[in-house]
Amino acid sequence: NTPPPVIIALAKEVEPEQESERDLGTKSLAAFSTICSILTTFTYGLSAYALNPTFFQSVVKENDITAVPLCFPIFFGVLAVSALHELGHFVVAKRYDVKLGLPVPIPSVQVGGFGSITPLRSFPSTRTA
């Protein structure tokens, strides 16, 4: 069961953008996106744990922020799932000798992180790679 053939016409000189070619603005935007993703993921964990009546009473009604660390398992859990997913990309890329850049997380207010953009630093050698 092989995939049908596909032809992609690229000039021989075409290469994916390399990390060293990125300007300060692009790197700053990636850093800003990462910080925003961490903050929105924390906000998601906080809002998900706020459904707990004891937590809600303590934090919202009594202004007692000592209960905030109770949402850390959700926060770190979401970050861990995202990190493991991205690690999977790197494992498969290494297997097929494809170079990847660092993933840039995309923040999401609803679930903390919408995913990541992981740039290719080299093209796959074949379509099945």
Protein backbone atom coordinates (compact mmCIF):
# COMPACT_ATOMS: atom_id res chain seq x y z
CA ASN A 1 0.00 0.00 0.00
CA THR A 2 2.23 2.79 -1.29
CA PRO A 3 1.14 6.40 -1.58
CA PRO A 4 0.57 7.79 -5.06
CA PRO A 5 3.51 9.68 -6.56
CA VAL A 6 3.73 13.41 -6.02
CA ILE A 7 6.02 15.84 -7.78
CA ILE A 8 7.21 18.94 -5.96
CA ALA A 9 9.22 21.27 -8.14
CA LEU A 10 11.81 23.23 -6.16
CA ALA A 11 14.96 24.88 -7.32
CA LYS A 12 18.04 23.04 -6.16
CA GLU A 13 19.14 26.10 -4.19
CA VAL A 14 15.96 26.18 -2.05
CA GLU A 15 16.68 25.37 1.55
CA PRO A 16 14.60 25.84 4.71
CA GLU A 17 15.39 28.89 6.80
CA GLN A 18 18.16 28.24 9.31
CA GLU A 19 18.16 29.44 12.91
CA SER A 20 21.14 31.70 12.24
CA GLU A 21 19.17 33.50 9.51
CA ARG A 22 16.42 34.65 11.88
CA ASP A 23 16.49 38.29 12.89
CA LEU A 24 16.03 39.67 16.39
CA GLY A 25 12.38 40.55 15.73
CA THR A 26 11.49 36.97 14.81
CA LYS A 27 13.33 35.59 17.82
CA SER A 28 11.65 38.15 20.10
CA LEU A 29 8.22 37.20 18.75
CA ALA A 30 8.97 33.53 19.41
CA ALA A 31 10.03 34.34 22.99
CA PHE A 32 6.92 36.48 23.52
CA SER A 33 4.70 33.68 22.17
CA THR A 34 6.37 31.19 24.54
CA ILE A 35 5.83 33.46 27.57
CA CYS A 36 2.20 34.07 26.58
CA SER A 37 1.65 30.31 26.18
CA ILE A 38 3.01 29.66 29.67
CA LEU A 39 0.77 32.38 31.12
CA THR A 40 -2.35 31.20 29.28
CA THR A 41 -1.65 27.60 30.32
CA PHE A 42 -1.40 28.73 33.94
CA THR A 43 -4.64 30.68 33.54
CA TYR A 44 -6.29 27.57 32.09
CA GLY A 45 -5.13 25.48 35.07
CA LEU A 46 -6.37 28.13 37.45
CA SER A 47 -9.78 28.39 35.78
CA ALA A 48 -10.16 24.60 35.57
CA TYR A 49 -9.38 24.22 39.28
CA ALA A 50 -11.71 27.13 40.12
CA LEU A 51 -14.60 24.69 39.61
CA ASN A 52 -13.64 23.22 42.98
CA PRO A 53 -15.94 24.98 45.51
CA THR A 54 -13.32 25.02 48.27
CA PHE A 55 -10.70 26.52 45.96
CA PHE A 56 -13.18 29.07 44.62
CA GLN A 57 -14.24 30.10 48.14
CA SER A 58 -10.65 30.44 49.29
CA VAL A 59 -9.22 32.35 46.30
CA VAL A 60 -12.14 34.41 45.01
CA LYS A 61 -14.22 35.15 48.07
CA GLU A 62 -11.55 35.25 50.76
CA ASN A 63 -8.63 36.53 48.61
CA ASP A 64 -6.42 33.75 49.99
CA ILE A 65 -3.86 33.01 47.28
CA THR A 66 -2.18 30.24 49.27
CA ALA A 67 -4.55 27.81 47.51
CA VAL A 68 -3.25 28.77 44.03
CA PRO A 69 -0.52 26.07 43.99
CA LEU A 70 -3.33 23.49 44.03
CA CYS A 71 -3.79 24.17 40.30
CA PHE A 72 -0.13 23.35 39.52
CA PRO A 73 -0.85 19.68 38.60
CA ILE A 74 -3.16 20.82 35.79
CA PHE A 75 -0.71 23.50 34.67
CA PHE A 76 2.30 21.17 34.61
CA GLY A 77 0.19 18.36 33.12
CA VAL A 78 -0.79 20.47 30.11
CA LEU A 79 2.82 21.62 29.67
CA ALA A 80 4.04 18.01 29.94
CA VAL A 81 1.59 16.75 27.30
CA SER A 82 2.68 19.52 24.93
CA ALA A 83 6.36 18.85 25.60
CA LEU A 84 5.97 15.10 25.04
CA HIS A 85 4.13 15.74 21.79
CA GLU A 86 6.93 17.98 20.53
CA LEU A 87 9.52 15.46 21.70
CA GLY A 88 7.76 12.91 19.49
CA HIS A 89 8.35 15.17 16.50
CA PHE A 90 12.07 15.32 17.31
CA VAL A 91 12.34 11.54 17.74
CA VAL A 92 10.69 10.86 14.37
CA ALA A 93 12.69 13.62 12.67
CA LYS A 94 15.94 12.12 14.00
CA ARG A 95 14.88 8.70 12.74
CA TYR A 96 14.45 10.07 9.22
CA ASP A 97 17.43 12.44 9.39
CA VAL A 98 15.32 15.60 9.20
CA LYS A 99 16.53 18.65 11.10
CA LEU A 100 13.97 20.66 13.08
CA GLY A 101 14.09 24.07 14.71
CA LEU A 102 12.84 24.84 18.18
CA PRO A 103 9.05 24.69 18.49
CA VAL A 104 7.26 28.02 18.96
CA PRO A 105 4.15 27.58 21.16
CA ILE A 106 0.93 29.32 20.15
CA PRO A 107 -1.05 30.62 23.15
CA SER A 108 -4.76 29.91 23.56
CA VAL A 109 -7.06 31.43 26.14
CA GLN A 110 -9.37 28.39 26.15
CA VAL A 111 -6.89 25.55 26.70
CA GLY A 112 -3.62 27.30 27.48
CA GLY A 113 -1.74 26.30 24.37
CA PHE A 114 -3.08 25.83 20.87
CA GLY A 115 -0.04 23.84 19.79
CA SER A 116 3.34 24.71 18.38
CA ILE A 117 4.93 25.56 15.08
CA THR A 118 8.05 23.45 14.59
CA PRO A 119 10.07 24.71 11.62
CA LEU A 120 11.89 22.34 9.29
CA ARG A 121 15.63 23.02 9.02
CA SER A 122 16.09 20.38 6.31
CA PHE A 123 13.74 18.67 3.89
CA PRO A 124 12.87 14.97 4.19
CA SER A 125 14.90 12.84 1.77
CA THR A 126 11.83 10.99 0.48
CA ARG A 127 8.07 11.34 0.63
CA THR A 128 7.77 8.41 3.03
CA ALA A 129 10.34 9.86 5.45
